[in-house]
Protein backbone atom coordinates (compact mmCIF):
# COMPACT_ATOMS: atom_id res chain seq x y z
CA MET A 1 3.62 -12.33 4.64
CA LYS A 2 1.29 -12.36 7.62
CA LYS A 3 3.20 -11.98 10.84
CA SER A 4 2.99 -10.58 14.36
CA PHE A 5 6.20 -9.03 15.64
CA PRO A 6 6.87 -8.60 19.38
CA LEU A 7 7.83 -5.02 20.23
CA HIS A 8 9.48 -5.83 23.56
CA VAL A 9 12.25 -8.45 23.58
CA PRO A 10 14.07 -9.17 26.85
CA GLY A 11 17.70 -8.07 26.70
CA LYS A 12 17.24 -5.79 23.66
CA ASP A 13 16.50 -2.08 23.39
CA ASP A 14 12.99 -1.35 22.10
CA LYS A 15 14.33 1.06 19.46
CA ARG A 16 16.64 -1.62 18.12
CA VAL A 17 13.77 -4.13 17.98
CA LEU A 18 11.72 -1.61 15.99
CA GLU A 19 14.56 -1.08 13.53
CA LEU A 20 14.98 -4.86 13.10
CA ILE A 21 11.27 -5.18 12.28
CA LYS A 22 11.51 -2.48 9.61
CA ILE A 23 14.65 -4.10 8.15
CA GLN A 24 12.91 -7.47 7.96
CA LEU A 25 9.93 -5.90 6.14
CA THR A 26 12.24 -4.15 3.68
CA LYS A 27 14.10 -7.40 2.96
CA TYR A 28 10.80 -9.19 2.29
CA VAL A 29 9.63 -6.53 -0.19
CA LYS A 30 12.98 -6.54 -2.01
CA ARG A 31 12.93 -10.33 -2.23
CA GLU A 32 9.40 -10.34 -3.68
CA ARG A 33 10.24 -7.63 -6.23
CA ARG A 34 13.14 -9.72 -7.56
CA LYS A 35 10.82 -12.57 -8.56
CA THR A 36 10.21 -13.08 -12.27
CA LEU A 37 7.14 -11.35 -13.65
CA PRO A 38 4.57 -13.31 -15.66
CA PRO A 39 4.29 -12.13 -19.30
CA GLU A 40 1.09 -10.10 -18.84
CA VAL A 41 2.20 -8.38 -15.61
CA HIS A 42 4.13 -5.07 -15.57
CA PHE A 43 5.17 -4.86 -11.90
CA TRP A 44 4.57 -6.37 -8.46
CA ASP A 45 2.05 -4.47 -6.35
CA PHE A 46 1.59 -4.85 -2.58
CA GLN A 47 -1.54 -4.81 -0.46
CA CYS A 48 -0.64 -4.02 3.14
CA LYS A 49 -2.38 -4.05 6.50
CA VAL A 50 -0.92 -2.96 9.84
CA GLY A 51 -2.39 -3.04 13.33
CA SER A 52 -1.77 -3.91 16.94
CA LYS A 53 -3.75 -7.14 16.40
CA GLN A 54 -4.91 -8.97 13.28
CA GLU A 55 -8.52 -7.92 13.92
CA LYS A 56 -7.52 -4.24 14.19
CA ALA A 57 -5.34 -4.14 11.07
CA VAL A 58 -5.97 -1.25 8.68
CA ALA A 59 -5.22 -1.24 4.94
CA LEU A 60 -2.31 1.06 4.04
CA ALA A 61 -0.02 1.83 1.13
CA LEU A 62 3.40 0.17 1.20
CA THR A 63 5.14 3.51 1.82
CA GLU A 64 3.02 4.11 4.95
CA VAL A 65 3.85 0.80 6.66
CA PRO A 66 7.06 1.91 8.51
CA GLN A 67 5.35 4.98 9.96
CA ALA A 68 2.36 2.89 11.07
CA VAL A 69 4.66 0.40 12.80
CA GLU A 70 6.36 3.29 14.64
CA VAL A 71 3.01 4.71 15.77
CA ILE A 72 1.96 1.34 17.18
CA ALA A 73 5.35 0.95 18.88
CA GLN A 74 4.96 4.36 20.55
CA GLY A 75 1.56 3.29 21.87
CA GLU A 76 1.18 0.71 24.57
CA GLY A 77 1.05 -2.33 22.30
CA ASP A 78 3.15 -5.41 22.96
CA GLU A 79 3.15 -6.54 19.35
CA VAL A 80 2.47 -5.31 15.84
CA TYR A 81 0.68 -7.28 13.12
CA VAL A 82 1.88 -6.71 9.55
CA GLU A 83 0.35 -8.24 6.44
CA ILE A 84 1.99 -7.66 3.06
CA MET A 85 0.43 -9.53 0.14
CA VAL A 86 1.95 -9.49 -3.33
CA CYS A 87 -0.36 -9.07 -6.31
CA PRO A 88 0.32 -8.46 -10.01
CA GLY A 89 0.22 -4.88 -11.21
CA ILE A 90 -0.75 -3.73 -14.70
CA TRP A 91 -0.18 -0.23 -16.04
CA THR A 92 -3.23 1.61 -17.37
CA LYS A 93 -3.18 4.44 -19.88
CA LYS A 94 -4.31 7.88 -18.83
CA THR A 95 -7.33 9.27 -20.64
CA GLU A 96 -7.04 12.36 -22.85
CA THR A 97 -9.37 14.39 -20.60
CA ALA A 98 -7.25 13.69 -17.53
CA ASN A 99 -4.13 14.97 -19.32
CA SER A 100 -5.65 18.22 -20.59
CA GLN A 101 -7.47 19.14 -17.33
CA GLY A 102 -9.67 21.65 -19.12
CA ARG A 103 -6.83 23.81 -20.44
CA GLU A 104 -6.64 25.05 -23.98
CA PRO A 105 -3.31 24.90 -25.86
């Protein structure tokens, strides 16, 4: 999903518009997570960017997207650009040294 959302809609409260944007993003993520996984993939991962314009978009984690949209809405921007790209995720095993962290049993 690559989309610019207007933050000011005539006839609607700005807070309500912001909530509708966040609801639409949540629906998109839920819809993508329901898709069937290929055999070698363990989960769906998301690469996200948020900014006031496409050129100013910054890479963020999926959990940080709603807060970033709110920050842009509180600024003087007229729109917010959100990019959420789905990519396959594969679990990796932790190494033995990372589990022990230098402690002796």
